[in-house]
Amino acid sequence: MKRIILLSGLCCSTLALANDSTGYVSTGGIEYLKNKNIAMQSEDLFISKKIIKVDYQFKNLSKQDVTETILFPLPQLDNYRDGDFAHTEELLKSFKVQVDGKTVVPQMHVRAFMKPLKNGEVDERAKEIDVTEEFKHCGFSEKDLLTPWMDAYESKFFSSKIFNCKMPKIQKLVQGYTTDQEIYWTGQVIYSWKQTFKANSVTQVKHQYKPLVGGSVALYEDEYNQQYCMDANFKKGLKKAQSENSSFSALGYILTTGANWAKPIENFKLTIERDPKELVSFCWKGKVSKISPTQFQMVEKNFVPKQDLDIIYVNLRN
């Protein structure tokens, strides 16, 4: 069992980007813990469809150096993905980390998960089960585990290998499948690196990456109103631009794990950017300032995030 500090993961509609938290890693996956020695002094978060950038200032409150394993979990992607949803390979290539101005090359870990069937369908309400070690025992390489990220279509060819795997956990999970069916499973990428936080000192951690962006060809506001808090001004803008059924993009970011630190986030700043010919909507309980024609900013003191963030971008018709 190793203690870790968990950095953000990410999203498209049903996927999510996470904020920093602490925990440990075992063969069963990730568990979350609080870290009593490390406080998040500040967080400067920038979100756009092209890039997400985060600048953290961590303060070691103790009189001793603290060495932890930093984790950055990406979302789980399933092997049923169609077409070009999200540029997953671009995300993996774009992920960069800097600590106190120096580039860090993180180690990549890949996990696999399955859910049981219920009445012939994948039980979406069931807890996901980590099957990484079982897959490896039955012949999966690290590259094989990565196929939902690199080429989801290719992952269907592993169904027979899963179906014939003799590990008891796998045999239980494939009950209900037939030999000619594609077996549902997900792959998750987790980056890690060792980090020492000097006693009574501040450590700066920066990372950036291209987010996974989802969307659709038509916006029906009644369907998405609650998730994205579409207010009267947003709806007015849709009608003025005759964009009620325009295409839209969406992404999400998990903020709530930022509450897992020794203290509230002393200084928090979030900037959201849209394209010039777009409308944007998201839920936020505090003050939102428009700092430029395309950017919105939220600044909080002693911030304890209590909800995650979903953002919708609507294309305006010409």
C-alpha atoms as a PDB file:
ATOM      1  CA  MET A   1       0.000   0.000   0.000  1.00  0.00           C
ATOM      2  CA  LYS A   2       1.451   3.362  -1.023  1.00  0.00           C
ATOM      3  CA  ARG A   3       0.182   6.777  -0.051  1.00  0.00           C
ATOM      4  CA  ILE A   4      -0.409   9.128  -2.936  1.00  0.00           C
ATOM      5  CA  ILE A   5      -1.498  12.598  -3.852  1.00  0.00           C
ATOM      6  CA  LEU A   6      -4.154  12.426  -6.522  1.00  0.00           C
ATOM      7  CA  LEU A   7      -4.157  15.063  -9.240  1.00  0.00           C
ATOM      8  CA  SER A   8      -6.912  15.802 -11.693  1.00  0.00           C
ATOM      9  CA  GLY A   9      -8.545  13.464 -14.190  1.00  0.00           C
ATOM     10  CA  LEU A  10     -10.960  14.551 -16.965  1.00  0.00           C
ATOM     11  CA  CYS A  11     -14.203  14.579 -18.936  1.00  0.00           C
ATOM     12  CA  CYS A  12     -16.638  14.731 -21.757  1.00  0.00           C
ATOM     13  CA  SER A  13     -20.307  14.851 -20.725  1.00  0.00           C
ATOM     14  CA  THR A  14     -20.115  11.459 -18.984  1.00  0.00           C
ATOM     15  CA  LEU A  15     -16.372  11.620 -18.378  1.00  0.00           C
ATOM     16  CA  ALA A  16     -14.761  13.816 -15.784  1.00  0.00           C
ATOM     17  CA  LEU A  17     -11.597  15.726 -14.979  1.00  0.00           C
ATOM     18  CA  ALA A  18     -10.617  15.606 -11.378  1.00  0.00           C
ATOM     19  CA  ASN A  19      -9.105  18.029  -8.961  1.00  0.00           C
ATOM     20  CA  ASP A  20      -6.288  17.178  -6.560  1.00  0.00           C
ATOM     21  CA  SER A  21      -6.875  14.798  -3.666  1.00  0.00           C
ATOM     22  CA  THR A  22      -4.937  12.245  -1.644  1.00  0.00           C
ATOM     23  CA  GLY A  23      -5.155   8.479  -1.307  1.00  0.00           C
ATOM     24  CA  TYR A  24      -3.344   5.224  -1.969  1.00  0.00           C
ATOM     25  CA  VAL A  25      -3.144   2.649  -4.741  1.00  0.00           C
ATOM     26  CA  SER A  26      -3.602  -1.076  -4.375  1.00  0.00           C
ATOM     27  CA  THR A  27      -4.415  -3.843  -6.863  1.00  0.00           C
ATOM     28  CA  GLY A  28      -8.079  -3.012  -6.305  1.00  0.00           C
ATOM     29  CA  GLY A  29      -7.714   0.514  -7.733  1.00  0.00           C
ATOM     30  CA  ILE A  30      -7.755   3.969  -6.141  1.00  0.00           C
ATOM     31  CA  GLU A  31      -8.988   4.940  -2.697  1.00  0.00           C
ATOM     32  CA  TYR A  32      -9.241   8.539  -1.470  1.00  0.00           C
ATOM     33  CA  LEU A  33      -7.751   9.813   1.784  1.00  0.00           C
ATOM     34  CA  LYS A  34      -7.145  13.229   3.348  1.00  0.00           C
ATOM     35  CA  ASN A  35      -3.614  14.536   3.674  1.00  0.00           C
ATOM     36  CA  LYS A  36      -3.133  16.368   6.985  1.00  0.00           C
ATOM     37  CA  ASN A  37       0.345  17.684   6.149  1.00  0.00           C
ATOM     38  CA  ILE A  38      -0.183  19.203   2.692  1.00  0.00           C
ATOM     39  CA  ALA A  39      -2.387  22.243   2.090  1.00  0.00           C
ATOM     40  CA  MET A  40      -3.386  23.634  -1.285  1.00  0.00           C
ATOM     41  CA  GLN A  41      -2.340  27.259  -0.917  1.00  0.00           C
ATOM     42  CA  SER A  42      -3.622  28.253  -4.327  1.00  0.00           C
ATOM     43  CA  GLU A  43      -5.148  26.848  -7.493  1.00  0.00           C
ATOM     44  CA  ASP A  44      -5.253  28.716 -10.804  1.00  0.00           C
ATOM     45  CA  LEU A  45      -7.371  26.715 -13.265  1.00  0.00           C
ATOM     46  CA  PHE A  46      -7.881  27.590 -16.938  1.00  0.00           C
ATOM     47  CA  ILE A  47     -10.434  25.641 -18.997  1.00  0.00           C
ATOM     48  CA  SER A  48     -11.091  25.823 -22.726  1.00  0.00           C
ATOM     49  CA  LYS A  49     -11.949  23.258 -25.392  1.00  0.00           C
ATOM     50  CA  LYS A  50      -8.372  23.394 -26.671  1.00  0.00           C
ATOM     51  CA  ILE A  51      -6.423  23.135 -23.423  1.00  0.00           C
ATOM     52  CA  ILE A  52      -6.743  22.782 -19.674  1.00  0.00           C
ATOM     53  CA  LYS A  53      -4.002  24.314 -17.539  1.00  0.00           C
ATOM     54  CA  VAL A  54      -3.672  24.112 -13.752  1.00  0.00           C
ATOM     55  CA  ASP A  55      -1.153  25.886 -11.527  1.00  0.00           C
ATOM     56  CA  TYR A  56      -1.071  24.652  -7.918  1.00  0.00           C
ATOM     57  CA  GLN A  57       0.871  25.987  -4.929  1.00  0.00           C
ATOM     58  CA  PHE A  58       1.172  23.303  -2.219  1.00  0.00           C
ATOM     59  CA  LYS A  59       2.365  24.130   1.300  1.00  0.00           C
ATOM     60  CA  ASN A  60       3.969  21.488   3.522  1.00  0.00           C
ATOM     61  CA  LEU A  61       2.675  22.403   6.986  1.00  0.00           C
ATOM     62  CA  SER A  62       4.996  20.019   8.821  1.00  0.00           C
ATOM     63  CA  LYS A  63       8.592  20.423  10.004  1.00  0.00           C
ATOM     64  CA  GLN A  64       9.750  17.451   7.950  1.00  0.00           C
ATOM     65  CA  ASP A  65      10.097  16.762   4.233  1.00  0.00           C
ATOM     66  CA  VAL A  66       7.188  14.721   2.895  1.00  0.00           C
ATOM     67  CA  THR A  67       7.679  12.423  -0.107  1.00  0.00           C
ATOM     68  CA  GLU A  68       4.556  11.157  -1.844  1.00  0.00           C
ATOM     69  CA  THR A  69       3.547   9.519  -5.093  1.00  0.00           C
ATOM     70  CA  ILE A  70       1.572  11.986  -7.209  1.00  0.00           C
ATOM     71  CA  LEU A  71      -1.196  10.444  -9.303  1.00  0.00           C
ATOM     72  CA  PHE A  72      -3.114  11.917 -12.204  1.00  0.00           C
ATOM     73  CA  PRO A  73      -5.974   9.590 -13.241  1.00  0.00           C
ATOM     74  CA  LEU A  74      -7.585  10.051 -16.624  1.00  0.00           C
ATOM     75  CA  PRO A  75     -11.215   8.937 -17.112  1.00  0.00           C
ATOM     76  CA  GLN A  76     -12.222   5.400 -17.940  1.00  0.00           C
ATOM     77  CA  LEU A  77     -12.987   4.878 -21.635  1.00  0.00           C
ATOM     78  CA  ASP A  78     -15.039   1.949 -22.847  1.00  0.00           C
ATOM     79  CA  ASN A  79     -14.468  -0.357 -25.791  1.00  0.00           C
ATOM     80  CA  TYR A  80     -17.866   0.499 -27.259  1.00  0.00           C
ATOM     81  CA  ARG A  81     -16.847   3.997 -28.328  1.00  0.00           C
ATOM     82  CA  ASP A  82     -17.806   4.911 -31.889  1.00  0.00           C
ATOM     83  CA  GLY A  83     -15.979   7.053 -34.407  1.00  0.00           C
ATOM     84  CA  ASP A  84     -14.123  10.155 -33.404  1.00  0.00           C
ATOM     85  CA  PHE A  85     -15.591  11.016 -29.997  1.00  0.00           C
ATOM     86  CA  ALA A  86     -12.777  12.826 -28.203  1.00  0.00           C
ATOM     87  CA  HIS A  87      -9.215  12.901 -29.431  1.00  0.00           C
ATOM     88  CA  THR A  88      -7.933  10.439 -26.886  1.00  0.00           C
ATOM     89  CA  GLU A  89      -4.494   9.961 -28.402  1.00  0.00           C
ATOM     90  CA  GLU A  90      -4.004  13.731 -28.464  1.00  0.00           C
ATOM     91  CA  LEU A  91      -4.737  13.864 -24.750  1.00  0.00           C
ATOM     92  CA  LEU A  92      -2.088  11.252 -23.976  1.00  0.00           C
ATOM     93  CA  LYS A  93       0.458  13.059 -26.133  1.00  0.00           C
ATOM     94  CA  SER A  94      -0.378  16.506 -24.741  1.00  0.00           C
ATOM     95  CA  PHE A  95      -0.104  15.695 -21.018  1.00  0.00           C
ATOM     96  CA  LYS A  96       2.747  17.716 -19.476  1.00  0.00           C
ATOM     97  CA  VAL A  97       3.932  18.243 -15.905  1.00  0.00           C
ATOM     98  CA  GLN A  98       6.258  20.801 -14.352  1.00  0.00           C
ATOM     99  CA  VAL A  99       7.358  20.984 -10.718  1.00  0.00           C
ATOM    100  CA  ASP A 100       9.030  24.203  -9.582  1.00  0.00           C
ATOM    101  CA  GLY A 101       9.706  25.046 -13.224  1.00  0.00           C
ATOM    102  CA  LYS A 102      11.303  21.713 -14.135  1.00  0.00           C
ATOM    103  CA  THR A 103       9.708  19.202 -16.496  1.00  0.00           C
ATOM    104  CA  VAL A 104       8.747  15.858 -14.959  1.00  0.00           C
ATOM    105  CA  VAL A 105       8.261  12.742 -17.076  1.00  0.00           C
ATOM    106  CA  PRO A 106       5.534  10.704 -15.344  1.00  0.00           C
ATOM    107  CA  GLN A 107       5.151   6.941 -15.449  1.00  0.00           C
ATOM    108  CA  MET A 108       2.058   5.564 -17.194  1.00  0.00           C
ATOM    109  CA  HIS A 109      -0.121   2.867 -15.595  1.00  0.00           C
ATOM    110  CA  VAL A 110      -3.100   1.260 -17.344  1.00  0.00           C
ATOM    111  CA  ARG A 111      -6.033  -0.352 -15.500  1.00  0.00           C
ATOM    112  CA  ALA A 112      -8.981  -2.384 -16.822  1.00  0.00           C
ATOM    113  CA  PHE A 113     -12.501  -2.572 -15.368  1.00  0.00           C
ATOM    114  CA  MET A 114     -15.655  -4.596 -15.998  1.00  0.00           C
ATOM    115  CA  LYS A 115     -19.283  -4.580 -14.892  1.00  0.00           C
ATOM    116  CA  PRO A 116     -21.620  -7.608 -14.682  1.00  0.00           C
ATOM    117  CA  LEU A 117     -24.628  -8.143 -16.904  1.00  0.00           C
ATOM    118  CA  LYS A 118     -28.186  -7.794 -15.650  1.00  0.00           C
ATOM    119  CA  ASN A 119     -31.045  -9.157 -17.745  1.00  0.00           C
ATOM    120  CA  GLY A 120     -28.703  -9.435 -20.703  1.00  0.00           C
ATOM    121  CA  GLU A 121     -27.488  -5.807 -20.476  1.00  0.00           C
ATOM    122  CA  VAL A 122     -24.489  -4.200 -18.788  1.00  0.00           C
ATOM    123  CA  ASP A 123     -25.581  -3.217 -15.273  1.00  0.00           C
ATOM    124  CA  GLU A 124     -24.720   0.491 -15.335  1.00  0.00           C
ATOM    125  CA  ARG A 125     -25.594   0.840 -11.643  1.00  0.00           C
ATOM    126  CA  ALA A 126     -23.184  -1.891 -10.583  1.00  0.00           C
ATOM    127  CA  LYS A 127     -19.809  -1.003  -9.121  1.00  0.00           C
ATOM    128  CA  GLU A 128     -16.949  -1.271 -11.584  1.00  0.00           C
ATOM    129  CA  ILE A 129     -14.587  -4.128 -10.809  1.00  0.00           C
ATOM    130  CA  ASP A 130     -10.841  -3.804 -11.360  1.00  0.00           C
ATOM    131  CA  VAL A 131      -9.753  -6.748 -13.532  1.00  0.00           C
ATOM    132  CA  THR A 132      -6.282  -5.537 -14.499  1.00  0.00           C
ATOM    133  CA  GLU A 133      -4.341  -8.399 -12.926  1.00  0.00           C
ATOM    134  CA  GLU A 134      -6.791 -10.988 -14.242  1.00  0.00           C
ATOM    135  CA  PHE A 135      -6.487  -9.607 -17.785  1.00  0.00           C
ATOM    136  CA  LYS A 136      -2.697  -9.708 -17.545  1.00  0.00           C
ATOM    137  CA  HIS A 137      -2.823 -13.286 -16.253  1.00  0.00           C
ATOM    138  CA  CYS A 138      -4.907 -14.188 -19.321  1.00  0.00           C
ATOM    139  CA  GLY A 139      -2.463 -12.709 -21.814  1.00  0.00           C
ATOM    140  CA  PHE A 140      -3.185  -8.978 -22.007  1.00  0.00           C
ATOM    141  CA  SER A 141      -0.131  -6.765 -22.500  1.00  0.00           C
ATOM    142  CA  GLU A 142       0.073  -3.136 -21.366  1.00  0.00           C
ATOM    143  CA  LYS A 143      -0.548  -2.147 -24.992  1.00  0.00           C
ATOM    144  CA  ASP A 144      -3.653  -4.363 -25.120  1.00  0.00           C
ATOM    145  CA  LEU A 145      -5.056  -2.671 -22.006  1.00  0.00           C
ATOM    146  CA  LEU A 146      -4.576   0.692 -23.711  1.00  0.00           C
ATOM    147  CA  THR A 147      -6.749  -0.087 -26.756  1.00  0.00           C
ATOM    148  CA  PRO A 148      -9.901   1.763 -25.528  1.00  0.00           C
ATOM    149  CA  TRP A 149      -7.709   4.885 -25.524  1.00  0.00           C
ATOM    150  CA  MET A 150      -5.783   4.254 -28.723  1.00  0.00           C
ATOM    151  CA  ASP A 151      -8.224   2.307 -30.898  1.00  0.00           C
ATOM    152  CA  ALA A 152     -11.571   1.351 -29.369  1.00  0.00           C
ATOM    153  CA  TYR A 153     -12.569  -0.590 -32.499  1.00  0.00           C
ATOM    154  CA  GLU A 154      -9.599  -2.896 -32.069  1.00  0.00           C
ATOM    155  CA  SER A 155     -10.592  -3.814 -28.513  1.00  0.00           C
ATOM    156  CA  LYS A 156     -13.530  -5.946 -29.717  1.00  0.00           C
ATOM    157  CA  PHE A 157     -11.010  -8.547 -30.874  1.00  0.00           C
ATOM    158  CA  PHE A 158     -10.116  -9.231 -27.237  1.00  0.00           C
ATOM    159  CA  SER A 159     -13.617 -10.464 -26.355  1.00  0.00           C
ATOM    160  CA  SER A 160     -12.802 -14.118 -27.040  1.00  0.00           C
ATOM    161  CA  LYS A 161      -9.688 -13.859 -24.873  1.00  0.00           C
ATOM    162  CA  ILE A 162     -11.802 -12.452 -22.032  1.00  0.00           C
ATOM    163  CA  PHE A 163     -14.556 -15.027 -22.527  1.00  0.00           C
ATOM    164  CA  ASN A 164     -12.038 -17.887 -22.363  1.00  0.00           C
ATOM    165  CA  CYS A 165     -10.111 -16.506 -19.392  1.00  0.00           C
ATOM    166  CA  LYS A 166     -10.297 -19.086 -16.574  1.00  0.00           C
ATOM    167  CA  MET A 167      -9.795 -16.638 -13.706  1.00  0.00           C
ATOM    168  CA  PRO A 168     -12.811 -17.002 -11.342  1.00  0.00           C
ATOM    169  CA  LYS A 169     -13.496 -13.244 -11.211  1.00  0.00           C
ATOM    170  CA  ILE A 170     -13.637 -13.058 -15.014  1.00  0.00           C
ATOM    171  CA  GLN A 171     -15.761 -16.196 -15.356  1.00  0.00           C
ATOM    172  CA  LYS A 172     -18.312 -14.643 -13.006  1.00  0.00           C
ATOM    173  CA  LEU A 173     -18.362 -11.349 -14.925  1.00  0.00           C
ATOM    174  CA  VAL A 174     -18.831 -12.946 -18.360  1.00  0.00           C
ATOM    175  CA  GLN A 175     -21.887 -14.922 -17.245  1.00  0.00           C
ATOM    176  CA  GLY A 176     -24.680 -14.010 -19.660  1.00  0.00           C
ATOM    177  CA  TYR A 177     -22.400 -13.329 -22.611  1.00  0.00           C
ATOM    178  CA  THR A 178     -22.236 -15.697 -25.587  1.00  0.00           C
ATOM    179  CA  THR A 179     -19.078 -16.568 -27.501  1.00  0.00           C
ATOM    180  CA  ASP A 180     -19.959 -14.239 -30.388  1.00  0.00           C
ATOM    181  CA  GLN A 181     -20.737 -11.167 -28.252  1.00  0.00           C
ATOM    182  CA  GLU A 182     -18.463  -8.199 -27.704  1.00  0.00           C
ATOM    183  CA  ILE A 183     -17.629  -8.024 -24.007  1.00  0.00           C
ATOM    184  CA  TYR A 184     -17.861  -4.611 -22.369  1.00  0.00           C
ATOM    185  CA  TRP A 185     -14.807  -3.338 -20.477  1.00  0.00           C
ATOM    186  CA  THR A 186     -13.075  -0.021 -19.842  1.00  0.00           C
ATOM    187  CA  GLY A 187      -9.475   1.116 -19.791  1.00  0.00           C
ATOM    188  CA  GLN A 188      -8.031   3.823 -17.563  1.00  0.00           C
ATOM    189  CA  VAL A 189      -4.675   5.581 -17.777  1.00  0.00           C
ATOM    190  CA  ILE A 190      -3.034   6.833 -14.572  1.00  0.00           C
ATOM    191  CA  TYR A 191       0.133   8.922 -14.576  1.00  0.00           C
ATOM    192  CA  SER A 192       2.405   8.941 -11.516  1.00  0.00           C
ATOM    193  CA  TRP A 193       5.623  10.475 -10.243  1.00  0.00           C
ATOM    194  CA  LYS A 194       7.457  10.793  -6.910  1.00  0.00           C
ATOM    195  CA  GLN A 195       7.390  14.221  -5.319  1.00  0.00           C
ATOM    196  CA  THR A 196       9.146  15.626  -2.238  1.00  0.00           C
ATOM    197  CA  PHE A 197       7.500  18.543  -0.453  1.00  0.00           C
ATOM    198  CA  LYS A 198      10.125  20.413   1.554  1.00  0.00           C
ATOM    199  CA  ALA A 199       9.372  21.173   5.212  1.00  0.00           C
ATOM    200  CA  ASN A 200       7.500  24.466   5.734  1.00  0.00           C
ATOM    201  CA  SER A 201       7.907  25.252   2.041  1.00  0.00           C
ATOM    202  CA  VAL A 202       5.743  25.840  -1.025  1.00  0.00           C
ATOM    203  CA  THR A 203       5.952  23.518  -4.049  1.00  0.00           C
ATOM    204  CA  GLN A 204       4.540  24.580  -7.415  1.00  0.00           C
ATOM    205  CA  VAL A 205       2.969  21.887  -9.597  1.00  0.00           C
ATOM    206  CA  LYS A 206       1.731  22.721 -13.093  1.00  0.00           C
ATOM    207  CA  HIS A 207       0.111  20.448 -15.612  1.00  0.00           C
ATOM    208  CA  GLN A 208      -1.711  20.859 -18.889  1.00  0.00           C
ATOM    209  CA  TYR A 209      -3.442  18.680 -21.458  1.00  0.00           C
ATOM    210  CA  LYS A 210      -5.958  18.688 -24.284  1.00  0.00           C
ATOM    211  CA  PRO A 211      -9.363  17.798 -22.799  1.00  0.00           C
ATOM    212  CA  LEU A 212     -11.810  15.197 -24.022  1.00  0.00           C
ATOM    213  CA  VAL A 213     -14.699  17.146 -25.514  1.00  0.00           C
ATOM    214  CA  GLY A 214     -18.095  15.659 -26.261  1.00  0.00           C
ATOM    215  CA  GLY A 215     -21.173  17.157 -27.858  1.00  0.00           C
ATOM    216  CA  SER A 216     -24.040  16.719 -30.258  1.00  0.00           C
ATOM    217  CA  VAL A 217     -25.487  18.151 -33.456  1.00  0.00           C
ATOM    218  CA  ALA A 218     -28.519  19.725 -31.767  1.00  0.00           C
ATOM    219  CA  LEU A 219     -29.189  21.378 -28.410  1.00  0.00           C
ATOM    220  CA  TYR A 220     -32.566  20.781 -26.767  1.00  0.00           C
ATOM    221  CA  GLU A 221     -32.456  23.116 -23.801  1.00  0.00           C
ATOM    222  CA  ASP A 222     -35.080  21.289 -21.734  1.00  0.00           C
ATOM    223  CA  GLU A 223     -32.878  18.179 -21.774  1.00  0.00           C
ATOM    224  CA  TYR A 224     -29.701  19.934 -20.626  1.00  0.00           C
ATOM    225  CA  ASN A 225     -31.047  22.940 -18.712  1.00  0.00           C
ATOM    226  CA  GLN A 226     -30.437  21.662 -15.171  1.00  0.00           C
ATOM    227  CA  GLN A 227     -26.994  20.194 -15.842  1.00  0.00           C
ATOM    228  CA  TYR A 228     -25.610  23.439 -17.287  1.00  0.00           C
ATOM    229  CA  CYS A 229     -27.749  26.032 -15.429  1.00  0.00           C
ATOM    230  CA  MET A 230     -28.988  27.796 -18.567  1.00  0.00           C
ATOM    231  CA  ASP A 231     -30.235  31.161 -17.308  1.00  0.00           C
ATOM    232  CA  ALA A 232     -32.544  33.681 -18.968  1.00  0.00           C
ATOM    233  CA  ASN A 233     -29.662  35.548 -20.653  1.00  0.00           C
ATOM    234  CA  PHE A 234     -28.312  32.326 -22.173  1.00  0.00           C
ATOM    235  CA  LYS A 235     -31.730  31.332 -23.518  1.00  0.00           C
ATOM    236  CA  LYS A 236     -32.254  34.855 -24.831  1.00  0.00           C
ATOM    237  CA  GLY A 237     -28.938  34.598 -26.681  1.00  0.00           C
ATOM    238  CA  LEU A 238     -30.014  31.287 -28.227  1.00  0.00           C
ATOM    239  CA  LYS A 239     -33.245  32.767 -29.526  1.00  0.00           C
ATOM    240  CA  LYS A 240     -31.609  35.967 -30.766  1.00  0.00           C
ATOM    241  CA  ALA A 241     -29.091  33.950 -32.765  1.00  0.00           C
ATOM    242  CA  GLN A 242     -31.735  31.406 -33.799  1.00  0.00           C
ATOM    243  CA  SER A 243     -29.504  28.740 -32.294  1.00  0.00           C
ATOM    244  CA  GLU A 244     -31.968  26.714 -30.221  1.00  0.00           C
ATOM    245  CA  ASN A 245     -31.120  23.584 -32.215  1.00  0.00           C
ATOM    246  CA  SER A 246     -27.477  24.369 -32.986  1.00  0.00           C
ATOM    247  CA  SER A 247     -24.630  21.960 -32.432  1.00  0.00           C
ATOM    248  CA  PHE A 248     -22.830  22.125 -29.101  1.00  0.00           C
ATOM    249  CA  SER A 249     -19.753  20.891 -27.279  1.00  0.00           C
ATOM    250  CA  ALA A 250     -19.459  19.880 -23.628  1.00  0.00           C
ATOM    251  CA  LEU A 251     -16.787  19.034 -21.114  1.00  0.00           C
ATOM    252  CA  GLY A 252     -16.583  18.577 -17.370  1.00  0.00           C
ATOM    253  CA  TYR A 253     -14.083  18.972 -14.552  1.00  0.00           C
ATOM    254  CA  ILE A 254     -14.187  17.348 -11.115  1.00  0.00           C
ATOM    255  CA  LEU A 255     -13.589  20.026  -8.518  1.00  0.00           C
ATOM    256  CA  THR A 256     -14.844  18.287  -5.381  1.00  0.00           C
ATOM    257  CA  THR A 257     -11.697  16.272  -4.660  1.00  0.00           C
ATOM    258  CA  GLY A 258     -10.025  19.637  -4.038  1.00  0.00           C
ATOM    259  CA  ALA A 259     -11.725  19.511  -0.626  1.00  0.00           C
ATOM    260  CA  ASN A 260      -9.479  16.611   0.450  1.00  0.00           C
ATOM    261  CA  TRP A 261      -6.642  18.776   1.778  1.00  0.00           C
ATOM    262  CA  ALA A 262      -5.509  19.922   5.206  1.00  0.00           C
ATOM    263  CA  LYS A 263      -7.286  23.269   4.771  1.00  0.00           C
ATOM    264  CA  PRO A 264      -9.646  24.974   2.322  1.00  0.00           C
ATOM    265  CA  ILE A 265      -7.983  26.269  -0.864  1.00  0.00           C
ATOM    266  CA  GLU A 266      -6.683  29.644   0.296  1.00  0.00           C
ATOM    267  CA  ASN A 267      -6.766  31.288  -3.143  1.00  0.00           C
ATOM    268  CA  PHE A 268      -8.812  29.785  -5.961  1.00  0.00           C
ATOM    269  CA  LYS A 269      -9.184  31.187  -9.481  1.00  0.00           C
ATOM    270  CA  LEU A 270     -11.075  29.603 -12.373  1.00  0.00           C
ATOM    271  CA  THR A 271     -11.058  31.016 -15.906  1.00  0.00           C
ATOM    272  CA  ILE A 272     -13.352  29.589 -18.603  1.00  0.00           C
ATOM    273  CA  GLU A 273     -12.808  30.516 -22.237  1.00  0.00           C
ATOM    274  CA  ARG A 274     -15.201  30.179 -25.171  1.00  0.00           C
ATOM    275  CA  ASP A 275     -14.725  30.760 -28.881  1.00  0.00           C
ATOM    276  CA  PRO A 276     -15.858  34.137 -30.306  1.00  0.00           C
ATOM    277  CA  LYS A 277     -18.929  32.669 -32.040  1.00  0.00           C
ATOM    278  CA  GLU A 278     -20.201  30.631 -29.108  1.00  0.00           C
ATOM    279  CA  LEU A 279     -22.453  30.878 -26.094  1.00  0.00           C
ATOM    280  CA  VAL A 280     -21.311  29.209 -22.889  1.00  0.00           C
ATOM    281  CA  SER A 281     -23.198  28.089 -19.795  1.00  0.00           C
ATOM    282  CA  PHE A 282     -22.197  26.371 -16.526  1.00  0.00           C
ATOM    283  CA  CYS A 283     -23.301  26.192 -12.892  1.00  0.00           C
ATOM    284  CA  TRP A 284     -21.538  28.367 -10.311  1.00  0.00           C
ATOM    285  CA  LYS A 285     -22.900  29.569  -6.963  1.00  0.00           C
ATOM    286  CA  GLY A 286     -20.460  32.472  -6.540  1.00  0.00           C
ATOM    287  CA  LYS A 287     -19.745  35.616  -8.536  1.00  0.00           C
ATOM    288  CA  VAL A 288     -18.887  35.232 -12.236  1.00  0.00           C
ATOM    289  CA  SER A 289     -16.986  38.096 -13.891  1.00  0.00           C
ATOM    290  CA  LYS A 290     -16.641  38.589 -17.634  1.00  0.00           C
ATOM    291  CA  ILE A 291     -12.986  39.648 -17.996  1.00  0.00           C
ATOM    292  CA  SER A 292     -12.852  39.705 -21.820  1.00  0.00           C
ATOM    293  CA  PRO A 293     -15.221  39.111 -24.756  1.00  0.00           C
ATOM    294  CA  THR A 294     -14.457  35.366 -24.564  1.00  0.00           C
ATOM    295  CA  GLN A 295     -13.400  34.724 -20.936  1.00  0.00           C
ATOM    296  CA  PHE A 296     -15.250  34.364 -17.627  1.00  0.00           C
ATOM    297  CA  GLN A 297     -13.518  34.250 -14.256  1.00  0.00           C
ATOM    298  CA  MET A 298     -14.419  33.144 -10.722  1.00  0.00           C
ATOM    299  CA  VAL A 299     -12.221  34.037  -7.721  1.00  0.00           C
ATOM    300  CA  GLU A 300     -12.745  32.539  -4.257  1.00  0.00           C
ATOM    301  CA  LYS A 301     -11.009  32.767  -0.876  1.00  0.00           C
ATOM    302  CA  ASN A 302     -10.785  29.764   1.489  1.00  0.00           C
ATOM    303  CA  PHE A 303     -12.634  27.744  -1.121  1.00  0.00           C
ATOM    304  CA  VAL A 304     -14.126  24.315  -0.386  1.00  0.00           C
ATOM    305  CA  PRO A 305     -15.494  22.920  -3.687  1.00  0.00           C
ATOM    306  CA  LYS A 306     -18.846  21.225  -3.139  1.00  0.00           C
ATOM    307  CA  GLN A 307     -19.898  20.536  -6.723  1.00  0.00           C
ATOM    308  CA  ASP A 308     -18.244  19.538  -9.965  1.00  0.00           C
ATOM    309  CA  LEU A 309     -18.264  21.563 -13.141  1.00  0.00           C
ATOM    310  CA  ASP A 310     -20.094  20.871 -16.415  1.00  0.00           C
ATOM    311  CA  ILE A 311     -19.645  23.357 -19.264  1.00  0.00           C
ATOM    312  CA  ILE A 312     -21.638  23.621 -22.494  1.00  0.00           C
ATOM    313  CA  TYR A 313     -20.510  25.577 -25.563  1.00  0.00           C
ATOM    314  CA  VAL A 314     -23.184  26.327 -28.203  1.00  0.00           C
ATOM    315  CA  ASN A 315     -22.175  27.231 -31.762  1.00  0.00           C
ATOM    316  CA  LEU A 316     -23.933  30.339 -33.052  1.00  0.00           C
ATOM    317  CA  ARG A 317     -25.346  30.207 -36.553  1.00  0.00           C
ATOM    318  CA  ASN A 318     -23.903  32.623 -39.082  1.00  0.00           C
END
